[in-house]
N, C-alpha and C. Protein backbone atom coordinates (compact mmCIF):
# COMPACT_ATOMS: atom_id res chain seq x y z
N MET A 1 34.39 -1.37 16.61
CA MET A 1 33.58 -0.90 15.53
C MET A 1 33.30 0.32 14.66
N SER A 2 32.48 0.26 14.08
CA SER A 2 32.18 1.51 12.98
C SER A 2 31.60 2.24 13.24
N ALA A 3 32.47 4.14 12.97
CA ALA A 3 31.73 5.03 13.08
C ALA A 3 31.46 5.35 12.50
N ASP A 4 30.47 5.52 11.41
CA ASP A 4 29.66 4.93 10.38
C ASP A 4 28.55 4.39 10.46
N ASP A 5 27.69 3.64 11.49
CA ASP A 5 27.06 2.68 11.53
C ASP A 5 26.81 2.94 13.19
N PRO A 6 25.64 4.10 13.75
CA PRO A 6 25.35 4.36 14.86
C PRO A 6 24.58 2.77 15.61
N ASP A 7 24.68 1.91 14.92
CA ASP A 7 23.91 0.67 15.50
C ASP A 7 25.24 -0.57 15.91
N SER A 8 26.17 -0.07 15.13
CA SER A 8 27.31 -1.31 15.66
C SER A 8 27.70 -1.38 16.88
N ALA A 9 27.35 -0.94 17.48
CA ALA A 9 27.83 -0.96 19.32
C ALA A 9 26.70 -1.69 19.32
N LEU A 10 25.82 -1.67 20.09
CA LEU A 10 24.33 -2.66 20.20
C LEU A 10 24.42 -3.57 19.51
N VAL A 11 24.94 -4.02 18.27
CA VAL A 11 24.94 -5.40 17.36
C VAL A 11 25.79 -6.14 18.16
N ALA A 12 27.09 -5.63 18.61
CA ALA A 12 28.07 -6.30 19.26
C ALA A 12 27.61 -6.54 20.43
N ARG A 13 26.51 -5.99 21.26
CA ARG A 13 26.27 -6.25 22.58
C ARG A 13 25.08 -6.96 22.76
N VAL A 14 24.29 -7.87 21.10
CA VAL A 14 23.29 -8.21 20.87
C VAL A 14 24.24 -10.28 21.17
N ALA A 15 25.16 -9.15 20.77
CA ALA A 15 26.16 -10.91 19.93
C ALA A 15 26.61 -11.05 21.00
N ARG A 16 27.04 -10.65 21.95
CA ARG A 16 27.68 -10.85 23.77
C ARG A 16 26.22 -12.31 24.30
N GLY A 17 25.35 -11.71 24.12
CA GLY A 17 24.06 -12.34 24.88
C GLY A 17 23.46 -11.30 25.62
N ASP A 18 23.66 -9.78 25.34
CA ASP A 18 23.53 -8.80 26.22
C ASP A 18 22.03 -8.79 26.25
N PRO A 19 21.34 -9.24 27.28
CA PRO A 19 19.67 -9.20 27.32
C PRO A 19 18.78 -7.70 27.12
N ALA A 20 19.51 -6.84 27.35
CA ALA A 20 19.29 -4.57 26.87
C ALA A 20 19.44 -4.37 26.30
N ALA A 21 21.03 -4.77 25.66
CA ALA A 21 21.13 -4.70 24.17
C ALA A 21 20.20 -4.82 23.35
N THR A 22 19.46 -6.69 23.39
CA THR A 22 18.65 -6.87 22.76
C THR A 22 17.28 -6.17 22.97
N ARG A 23 16.45 -6.25 23.59
CA ARG A 23 15.23 -5.40 24.03
C ARG A 23 15.47 -4.30 23.54
N LEU A 24 16.48 -3.42 23.78
CA LEU A 24 16.80 -1.78 23.12
C LEU A 24 16.66 -1.68 21.79
N LEU A 25 17.73 -3.40 21.07
CA LEU A 25 17.29 -3.24 19.55
C LEU A 25 16.41 -3.24 19.67
N VAL A 26 15.00 -4.54 19.12
CA VAL A 26 14.09 -4.82 19.42
C VAL A 26 13.27 -3.05 19.38
N SER A 27 13.18 -2.73 20.74
CA SER A 27 12.27 -1.61 21.22
C SER A 27 12.91 0.13 19.93
N ALA A 28 13.79 -0.51 19.40
CA ALA A 28 14.18 1.31 18.58
C ALA A 28 14.40 0.91 17.31
N LYS A 29 13.86 -1.18 16.45
CA LYS A 29 13.68 -1.32 15.08
C LYS A 29 13.08 -1.86 14.69
N LEU A 30 11.38 -2.56 15.68
CA LEU A 30 10.29 -3.20 15.63
C LEU A 30 9.28 -2.43 14.97
N PRO A 31 8.97 -0.90 15.56
CA PRO A 31 7.77 -0.41 14.23
C PRO A 31 8.27 -0.42 13.89
N ARG A 32 9.14 0.17 12.53
CA ARG A 32 9.54 0.73 11.19
C ARG A 32 9.54 -0.77 10.72
N ILE A 33 10.07 -1.56 11.16
CA ILE A 33 10.20 -3.01 10.23
C ILE A 33 8.64 -3.45 10.81
N LEU A 34 7.27 -3.08 11.24
CA LEU A 34 6.35 -3.39 11.47
C LEU A 34 5.97 -3.23 10.51
N ALA A 35 6.27 -1.59 9.74
CA ALA A 35 5.80 -0.51 9.32
C ALA A 35 5.78 -0.88 7.72
N LEU A 36 6.61 -1.25 7.22
CA LEU A 36 7.83 -1.85 6.19
C LEU A 36 6.71 -2.59 5.89
N ALA A 37 6.49 -3.83 6.81
CA ALA A 37 5.96 -5.61 6.07
C ALA A 37 4.47 -5.40 6.19
N ALA A 38 3.91 -4.40 6.85
CA ALA A 38 2.62 -4.22 6.83
C ALA A 38 1.80 -3.05 5.70
N ARG A 39 3.31 -2.57 5.09
CA ARG A 39 2.58 -1.89 3.84
C ARG A 39 2.91 -2.95 2.77
N MET A 40 3.92 -3.83 2.73
CA MET A 40 4.50 -4.75 2.09
C MET A 40 3.26 -5.53 1.35
N LEU A 41 2.53 -6.07 3.22
CA LEU A 41 2.20 -7.58 2.86
C LEU A 41 0.38 -6.65 2.87
N ARG A 42 0.59 -5.86 3.83
CA ARG A 42 -0.87 -5.04 4.02
C ARG A 42 -1.94 -6.81 4.68
N ASP A 43 -1.64 -6.91 5.06
CA ASP A 43 -1.71 -7.52 6.04
C ASP A 43 -1.15 -7.66 7.41
N THR A 44 -1.05 -7.35 8.97
CA THR A 44 -1.27 -7.27 10.17
C THR A 44 -0.34 -8.14 10.92
N ALA A 45 -1.28 -8.93 9.92
CA ALA A 45 -0.74 -11.09 10.96
C ALA A 45 0.42 -11.62 10.32
N GLU A 46 0.23 -11.10 9.31
CA GLU A 46 1.99 -11.71 8.73
C GLU A 46 3.29 -10.53 8.90
N ALA A 47 2.39 -9.30 8.82
CA ALA A 47 4.16 -8.39 9.13
C ALA A 47 4.21 -8.63 10.43
N GLU A 48 3.63 -8.80 11.74
CA GLU A 48 4.58 -9.51 12.62
C GLU A 48 4.91 -10.62 12.45
N ASP A 49 4.87 -11.65 11.77
CA ASP A 49 5.86 -12.67 11.56
C ASP A 49 6.66 -12.33 11.37
N VAL A 50 6.73 -11.57 10.51
CA VAL A 50 8.10 -11.07 9.56
C VAL A 50 9.39 -10.35 10.24
N ALA A 51 8.07 -9.36 11.52
CA ALA A 51 9.14 -9.60 11.75
C ALA A 51 10.05 -9.60 13.14
N GLN A 52 8.91 -11.03 13.13
CA GLN A 52 9.69 -11.99 14.30
C GLN A 52 11.03 -12.93 13.42
N GLU A 53 10.71 -12.90 12.49
CA GLU A 53 11.59 -14.16 11.26
C GLU A 53 12.85 -13.01 11.40
N THR A 54 12.42 -12.03 11.21
CA THR A 54 13.88 -10.83 10.59
C THR A 54 15.15 -10.96 12.25
N PHE A 55 13.61 -10.84 13.60
CA PHE A 55 14.49 -10.73 14.66
C PHE A 55 14.92 -11.98 15.33
N VAL A 56 14.70 -12.76 14.58
CA VAL A 56 15.53 -14.23 14.60
C VAL A 56 16.60 -14.12 13.65
N ARG A 57 16.81 -13.87 12.94
CA ARG A 57 17.14 -13.65 11.42
C ARG A 57 19.26 -12.73 12.20
N VAL A 58 18.54 -11.71 13.18
CA VAL A 58 19.79 -10.79 13.71
C VAL A 58 20.09 -11.34 15.13
N TRP A 59 19.78 -12.22 15.47
CA TRP A 59 20.16 -12.63 16.67
C TRP A 59 21.26 -14.23 16.35
N ARG A 60 20.59 -14.41 15.16
CA ARG A 60 21.63 -16.49 14.70
C ARG A 60 22.55 -14.80 14.16
N THR A 61 22.75 -14.26 13.04
CA THR A 61 23.58 -13.39 12.41
C THR A 61 24.23 -12.39 13.41
N ALA A 62 23.90 -12.11 14.34
CA ALA A 62 24.73 -10.85 15.16
C ALA A 62 26.17 -10.62 15.34
N ALA A 63 26.22 -12.66 15.85
CA ALA A 63 28.20 -12.86 15.88
C ALA A 63 29.08 -12.31 14.79
N ALA A 64 28.32 -13.14 14.43
CA ALA A 64 29.00 -12.88 11.99
C ALA A 64 28.68 -11.86 11.87
N TRP A 65 28.22 -10.08 12.87
CA TRP A 65 27.93 -9.02 11.78
C TRP A 65 29.19 -8.41 11.34
N GLN A 66 29.82 -8.03 10.11
CA GLN A 66 31.24 -7.21 10.41
C GLN A 66 30.77 -5.82 9.48
N PRO A 67 30.80 -5.34 10.60
CA PRO A 67 30.40 -3.47 10.33
C PRO A 67 31.72 -3.20 9.60
N GLY A 68 31.34 -1.72 9.14
CA GLY A 68 31.46 -1.43 8.02
C GLY A 68 31.23 -2.15 6.20
N ARG A 69 31.07 -3.25 5.90
CA ARG A 69 30.45 -3.60 5.12
C ARG A 69 29.30 -2.95 4.59
N ALA A 70 28.68 -3.03 5.54
CA ALA A 70 26.93 -2.22 4.92
C ALA A 70 26.28 -1.45 6.67
N ARG A 71 25.34 -0.95 6.94
CA ARG A 71 24.60 -0.38 7.82
C ARG A 71 24.14 -1.68 7.93
N PHE A 72 23.58 -1.58 9.83
CA PHE A 72 22.75 -2.69 10.24
C PHE A 72 21.70 -2.37 9.51
N ASP A 73 20.96 -0.96 9.79
CA ASP A 73 19.26 -0.63 9.25
C ASP A 73 19.54 -0.96 7.87
N THR A 74 20.51 -0.86 6.70
CA THR A 74 20.34 -1.04 5.94
C THR A 74 20.21 -2.63 5.31
N TRP A 75 20.99 -3.36 6.05
CA TRP A 75 21.15 -4.53 6.10
C TRP A 75 19.57 -5.59 6.68
N LEU A 76 19.00 -4.77 7.87
CA LEU A 76 17.52 -5.21 8.34
C LEU A 76 16.22 -5.16 7.48
N HIS A 77 16.66 -3.89 6.55
CA HIS A 77 15.87 -3.78 5.80
C HIS A 77 15.54 -4.77 4.63
N THR A 78 16.73 -4.67 3.90
CA THR A 78 17.34 -6.04 3.65
C THR A 78 16.44 -7.32 3.27
N VAL A 79 16.57 -7.46 4.72
CA VAL A 79 15.94 -8.74 5.47
C VAL A 79 14.37 -8.76 5.22
N VAL A 80 13.76 -7.82 5.26
CA VAL A 80 12.71 -7.27 5.84
C VAL A 80 11.78 -7.77 4.15
N LEU A 81 12.25 -6.79 3.88
CA LEU A 81 12.03 -6.77 2.17
C LEU A 81 12.02 -8.43 1.29
N ASN A 82 13.17 -8.51 1.83
CA ASN A 82 13.73 -10.05 1.37
C ASN A 82 12.13 -11.38 1.98
N LEU A 83 12.34 -10.94 3.01
CA LEU A 83 10.75 -11.44 3.91
C LEU A 83 9.57 -11.58 2.85
N CYS A 84 9.57 -10.40 2.90
CA CYS A 84 8.09 -9.88 2.12
C CYS A 84 7.93 -10.55 1.01
N ARG A 85 9.24 -10.30 0.16
CA ARG A 85 8.94 -10.88 -1.55
C ARG A 85 8.70 -12.51 -1.37
N ASP A 86 9.26 -13.31 -0.59
CA ASP A 86 8.90 -14.72 0.06
C ASP A 86 7.54 -14.89 0.06
N ARG A 87 6.72 -13.97 0.60
CA ARG A 87 5.77 -14.34 1.42
C ARG A 87 4.92 -13.93 0.03
N LEU A 88 5.28 -12.93 -0.46
CA LEU A 88 4.41 -12.62 -1.82
C LEU A 88 4.48 -13.55 -2.44
N ARG A 89 5.54 -13.49 -3.35
CA ARG A 89 4.87 -15.17 -4.22
C ARG A 89 4.67 -16.02 -3.72
N ARG A 90 4.40 -17.23 -2.47
CA ARG A 90 3.89 -17.82 -2.09
C ARG A 90 1.99 -17.04 -2.05
N ARG A 91 1.90 -15.98 -1.56
CA ARG A 91 0.62 -15.66 -1.55
C ARG A 91 -0.03 -15.87 -3.02
N ARG A 92 0.97 -15.13 -3.86
CA ARG A 92 0.41 -15.26 -5.51
C ARG A 92 0.14 -16.76 -6.00
N GLU A 93 0.89 -17.07 -5.43
CA GLU A 93 1.21 -19.07 -5.78
C GLU A 93 -0.06 -19.60 -5.34
N VAL A 94 -0.58 -19.13 -4.39
CA VAL A 94 -1.59 -20.15 -4.00
C VAL A 94 -3.13 -19.70 -3.94
N ASN A 95 -2.90 -17.82 -4.14
CA ASN A 95 -4.45 -17.67 -4.14
C ASN A 95 -4.26 -16.43 -5.37
N GLY A 96 -3.75 -16.82 -6.29
CA GLY A 96 -3.56 -15.38 -7.25
C GLY A 96 -3.10 -14.32 -6.17
N ASP A 97 -3.64 -12.87 -7.62
CA ASP A 97 -3.34 -11.73 -6.94
C ASP A 97 -4.02 -11.00 -6.14
N THR A 98 -5.66 -11.52 -6.17
CA THR A 98 -6.74 -10.46 -5.11
C THR A 98 -6.65 -11.43 -3.53
N MET A 99 -6.73 -10.53 -3.03
CA MET A 99 -7.23 -11.00 -1.66
C MET A 99 -8.37 -10.63 -1.40
N PRO A 100 -8.99 -11.23 -0.64
CA PRO A 100 -10.44 -11.32 0.02
C PRO A 100 -10.55 -10.14 0.74
N GLU A 101 -11.64 -9.00 0.68
CA GLU A 101 -11.82 -7.92 1.28
C GLU A 101 -12.56 -8.91 2.91
N VAL A 102 -12.38 -8.50 4.27
CA VAL A 102 -12.59 -8.63 4.99
C VAL A 102 -13.35 -6.92 5.92
N ALA A 103 -14.90 -7.18 6.54
CA ALA A 103 -15.64 -6.15 6.56
C ALA A 103 -15.27 -5.78 7.68
N ASP A 104 -15.32 -4.24 8.11
CA ASP A 104 -15.31 -3.51 8.97
C ASP A 104 -15.88 -3.96 10.37
N PRO A 105 -15.87 -4.71 11.16
CA PRO A 105 -16.90 -4.59 12.04
C PRO A 105 -16.84 -3.62 13.04
N THR A 106 -16.24 -1.84 13.00
CA THR A 106 -16.76 -1.13 13.85
C THR A 106 -18.26 -0.85 13.45
N PRO A 107 -18.32 -0.38 14.60
CA PRO A 107 -19.80 0.27 14.73
C PRO A 107 -20.02 1.53 13.79
N ASP A 108 -19.34 2.18 13.99
CA ASP A 108 -19.02 3.46 12.24
C ASP A 108 -18.09 3.36 11.51
N ALA A 109 -18.50 2.05 10.81
CA ALA A 109 -17.54 2.08 9.50
C ALA A 109 -17.59 2.95 8.67
N GLU A 110 -18.81 3.02 8.19
CA GLU A 110 -19.09 4.15 7.05
C GLU A 110 -18.19 5.21 7.31
N ALA A 111 -18.35 6.12 8.93
CA ALA A 111 -17.80 7.35 8.56
C ALA A 111 -16.04 7.23 8.63
N ALA A 112 -15.87 5.75 9.70
CA ALA A 112 -14.04 5.18 9.23
C ALA A 112 -13.96 5.61 7.22
N LEU A 113 -14.94 5.00 6.52
CA LEU A 113 -14.34 4.72 5.84
C LEU A 113 -14.55 5.64 4.88
N ILE A 114 -15.29 6.31 4.85
CA ILE A 114 -14.99 7.99 4.06
C ILE A 114 -14.12 8.69 4.96
N GLU A 115 -13.42 8.89 6.02
CA GLU A 115 -12.83 9.47 6.46
C GLU A 115 -11.33 9.32 5.90
N SER A 116 -10.83 7.56 5.98
CA SER A 116 -9.82 6.68 5.60
C SER A 116 -9.49 6.70 3.83
N GLU A 117 -10.44 7.33 3.54
CA GLU A 117 -10.73 7.18 1.51
C GLU A 117 -9.23 7.11 0.69
N ARG A 118 -8.92 8.34 0.80
CA ARG A 118 -7.46 8.82 0.31
C ARG A 118 -6.72 8.05 0.39
N GLY A 119 -6.57 8.01 1.89
CA GLY A 119 -5.48 6.40 2.42
C GLY A 119 -5.67 5.30 1.54
N TYR A 120 -7.08 5.26 1.68
CA TYR A 120 -6.69 3.44 1.00
C TYR A 120 -6.64 4.07 -0.96
N ALA A 121 -6.91 4.81 -1.19
CA ALA A 121 -6.32 5.78 -2.57
C ALA A 121 -4.87 5.00 -2.75
N VAL A 122 -4.18 6.04 -1.82
CA VAL A 122 -2.71 5.69 -2.02
C VAL A 122 -2.60 4.35 -1.77
N ALA A 123 -2.64 3.97 -1.12
CA ALA A 123 -2.72 2.42 0.11
C ALA A 123 -2.81 1.70 -1.54
N GLU A 124 -3.83 1.57 -2.75
CA GLU A 124 -4.04 0.73 -3.26
C GLU A 124 -2.79 1.13 -4.37
N ALA A 125 -2.94 2.31 -4.82
CA ALA A 125 -2.26 2.90 -6.12
C ALA A 125 -0.90 2.50 -5.09
N ILE A 126 0.11 2.45 -4.22
CA ILE A 126 1.29 1.80 -3.96
C ILE A 126 1.34 0.30 -4.34
N ALA A 127 0.12 -0.05 -3.83
CA ALA A 127 -0.35 -1.63 -3.56
C ALA A 127 0.15 -2.18 -5.28
N ALA A 128 -0.65 -1.36 -5.89
CA ALA A 128 -0.44 -1.59 -7.27
C ALA A 128 0.82 -1.60 -8.91
N LEU A 129 1.84 -0.54 -8.22
CA LEU A 129 2.63 -0.75 -8.65
C LEU A 129 3.66 -1.62 -8.86
N PRO A 130 4.87 -1.56 -9.82
CA PRO A 130 5.70 -2.50 -9.73
C PRO A 130 6.36 -2.92 -8.84
N GLU A 131 6.66 -3.72 -8.45
CA GLU A 131 7.60 -4.78 -7.43
C GLU A 131 8.63 -3.40 -6.60
N ARG A 132 9.55 -3.58 -7.85
CA ARG A 132 10.45 -2.11 -7.24
C ARG A 132 10.36 -1.11 -7.39
N GLN A 133 9.44 -0.82 -7.92
CA GLN A 133 8.98 0.98 -7.40
C GLN A 133 8.24 0.61 -6.69
N ARG A 134 7.68 -0.20 -6.18
CA ARG A 134 6.62 0.03 -4.63
C ARG A 134 8.16 0.32 -3.63
N GLU A 135 8.76 -0.91 -3.65
CA GLU A 135 9.75 -1.02 -2.57
C GLU A 135 10.47 0.52 -2.19
N ALA A 136 10.87 0.64 -3.88
CA ALA A 136 11.50 2.31 -3.33
C ALA A 136 11.03 3.38 -2.97
N ILE A 137 9.86 3.25 -3.35
CA ILE A 137 8.77 4.54 -2.62
C ILE A 137 8.59 4.32 -0.97
N LEU A 138 8.36 2.88 -0.67
CA LEU A 138 8.37 2.75 0.80
C LEU A 138 9.41 2.58 1.28
N LEU A 139 10.51 2.22 0.35
CA LEU A 139 11.91 2.49 1.76
C LEU A 139 12.33 4.30 1.90
N VAL A 140 11.96 4.81 0.81
CA VAL A 140 12.25 6.29 0.56
C VAL A 140 11.12 7.49 1.32
N HIS A 141 9.86 6.70 1.04
CA HIS A 141 9.02 7.71 1.85
C HIS A 141 8.42 7.66 2.91
N TYR A 142 8.17 5.67 3.21
CA TYR A 142 7.96 5.26 4.39
C TYR A 142 8.97 4.95 5.74
N GLN A 143 9.60 4.69 5.49
CA GLN A 143 10.84 4.39 5.57
C GLN A 143 11.65 5.50 6.55
N GLU A 144 11.73 6.22 5.70
CA GLU A 144 12.72 7.64 5.35
C GLU A 144 14.24 7.04 5.50
N LEU A 145 14.57 5.92 4.45
CA LEU A 145 15.74 5.77 4.49
C LEU A 145 16.43 7.26 2.93
N SER A 146 17.91 7.28 3.36
CA SER A 146 18.18 8.12 1.51
C SER A 146 17.87 7.27 0.59
N GLY A 147 18.35 7.53 -0.27
CA GLY A 147 18.43 7.09 -1.57
C GLY A 147 19.32 5.98 -1.38
N ASP A 148 20.85 6.40 -0.60
CA ASP A 148 22.10 5.55 -0.58
C ASP A 148 21.60 4.38 -0.10
N GLU A 149 20.46 4.57 1.23
CA GLU A 149 20.37 3.30 2.16
C GLU A 149 19.39 2.75 1.14
N ALA A 150 18.49 3.12 0.53
CA ALA A 150 17.55 1.81 -0.49
C ALA A 150 18.39 2.03 -0.93
N ALA A 151 18.65 2.50 -2.32
CA ALA A 151 20.07 1.73 -3.15
C ALA A 151 21.20 0.60 -2.49
N ALA A 152 21.25 0.44 -1.29
CA ALA A 152 21.62 -0.85 -1.04
C ALA A 152 20.86 -1.69 -0.65
N ALA A 153 20.02 -1.46 0.54
CA ALA A 153 18.41 -2.14 0.38
C ALA A 153 18.40 -3.24 -0.83
N LEU A 154 17.96 -2.82 -2.35
CA LEU A 154 17.57 -2.82 -3.31
C LEU A 154 18.80 -3.26 -3.79
N GLY A 155 19.64 -3.43 -3.92
CA GLY A 155 21.04 -4.26 -4.38
C GLY A 155 21.37 -3.46 -5.76
N VAL A 156 20.70 -1.91 -5.68
CA VAL A 156 21.07 -0.90 -6.59
C VAL A 156 21.76 0.20 -6.95
N SER A 157 22.17 0.87 -7.92
CA SER A 157 22.67 2.27 -8.21
C SER A 157 21.73 2.96 -7.14
N VAL A 158 22.06 3.82 -6.94
CA VAL A 158 21.59 5.33 -6.61
C VAL A 158 20.44 6.14 -7.61
N GLU A 159 21.24 6.29 -8.90
CA GLU A 159 20.59 6.26 -9.89
C GLU A 159 19.30 5.71 -10.22
N ALA A 160 19.76 4.39 -9.90
CA ALA A 160 18.50 3.18 -10.13
C ALA A 160 17.36 3.65 -8.96
N VAL A 161 17.55 3.71 -7.64
CA VAL A 161 16.86 4.34 -7.50
C VAL A 161 15.98 5.75 -7.54
N GLU A 162 16.58 6.82 -7.55
CA GLU A 162 16.15 8.12 -8.28
C GLU A 162 14.59 7.96 -9.47
N SER A 163 15.63 7.32 -10.38
CA SER A 163 14.65 6.56 -11.87
C SER A 163 13.02 5.38 -10.86
N LEU A 164 13.51 4.69 -10.28
CA LEU A 164 12.45 4.00 -9.72
C LEU A 164 11.31 4.68 -9.45
N LEU A 165 12.10 6.24 -7.99
CA LEU A 165 11.21 6.57 -7.88
C LEU A 165 10.71 7.57 -8.96
N ALA A 166 11.64 8.05 -9.21
CA ALA A 166 10.47 8.93 -10.78
C ALA A 166 9.29 8.26 -10.76
N ARG A 167 9.05 7.08 -12.05
CA ARG A 167 8.41 6.34 -12.31
C ARG A 167 7.42 5.80 -11.22
N GLY A 168 7.38 5.88 -10.10
CA GLY A 168 6.78 5.35 -9.47
C GLY A 168 5.62 6.68 -8.93
N ARG A 169 6.08 7.79 -8.67
CA ARG A 169 5.78 9.15 -8.40
C ARG A 169 4.59 8.81 -9.45
N ARG A 170 5.02 9.27 -10.70
CA ARG A 170 4.30 10.02 -11.82
C ARG A 170 3.45 8.81 -11.91
N THR A 171 3.72 7.52 -11.92
CA THR A 171 2.30 6.38 -11.48
C THR A 171 1.33 6.68 -10.45
N LEU A 172 1.98 7.09 -9.26
CA LEU A 172 0.84 7.67 -8.61
C LEU A 172 -0.11 8.88 -8.82
N ARG A 173 1.01 9.63 -9.16
CA ARG A 173 0.05 10.96 -9.71
C ARG A 173 -0.96 10.63 -10.64
N ALA A 174 -0.94 9.93 -11.72
CA ALA A 174 -1.79 9.32 -12.77
C ALA A 174 -3.02 8.75 -12.20
N ARG A 175 -2.41 7.62 -11.42
CA ARG A 175 -3.35 7.16 -10.83
C ARG A 175 -4.68 7.37 -9.46
N LEU A 176 -3.67 8.61 -8.83
CA LEU A 176 -4.21 9.65 -7.75
C LEU A 176 -5.16 10.77 -8.78
N ALA A 177 -4.80 11.10 -9.93
CA ALA A 177 -5.69 11.58 -10.37
C ALA A 177 -7.13 11.38 -10.99
N SER A 178 -7.36 9.77 -11.37
CA SER A 178 -8.14 9.23 -12.18
C SER A 178 -9.54 9.66 -11.31
N PRO A 179 -10.01 9.74 -12.09
CA PRO A 179 -11.77 9.55 -11.17
C PRO A 179 -12.39 8.25 -10.53
N GLN A 180 -10.72 7.58 -11.10
CA GLN A 180 -11.81 5.77 -10.41
C GLN A 180 -10.64 5.35 -9.43
N ALA A 181 -9.55 6.40 -9.23
CA ALA A 181 -8.48 6.18 -7.82
C ALA A 181 -9.91 6.23 -6.74
N GLY A 182 -9.28 4.85 -5.93
CA GLY A 182 -9.95 4.81 -4.71
C GLY A 182 -10.54 3.93 -4.72
N GLU A 183 -11.76 3.48 -5.99
CA GLU A 183 -12.75 2.55 -6.09
C GLU A 183 -12.60 1.29 -6.04
N PRO A 184 -12.72 0.27 -5.68
CA PRO A 184 -12.31 -0.85 -5.73
C PRO A 184 -12.79 -2.09 -6.65
């Protein structure tokens, strides 16, 4: 087992078919996987599908996992990113870049909308970033991966991640500072 990877022992137990290890792995990783997929896809149901598919891949490949090649968590984020990219590509092929808006069914929708306007503006600005910049921002700022981990998940150098982050932050600042930020 790799001392550098805190998940290697747990993955080895999953590979041996240990149900307790499987439950532990899912409970430890599921919230972050769902959060990343939901931010990328902006669809909770699709995010849940991605999370399920991610864990199916974990169970299928746990026996072949090689500690030391990459951290398990980095590999897991890479799987989620790739599954989300595939879904986004298919979505663009089927219905273009725009997604239909769904009305908020809550009784006080106007108050909730006013309260969440800034969050919506940020989410919209992040969604409008170029793919690689968006992924770097999500991995580092929302998934709290280090620069090294984000670089491994994206398959680029740490310097490239830093460049993606700098460009993404600049673009976000400009979009959020403009008077149109958050307007549909």
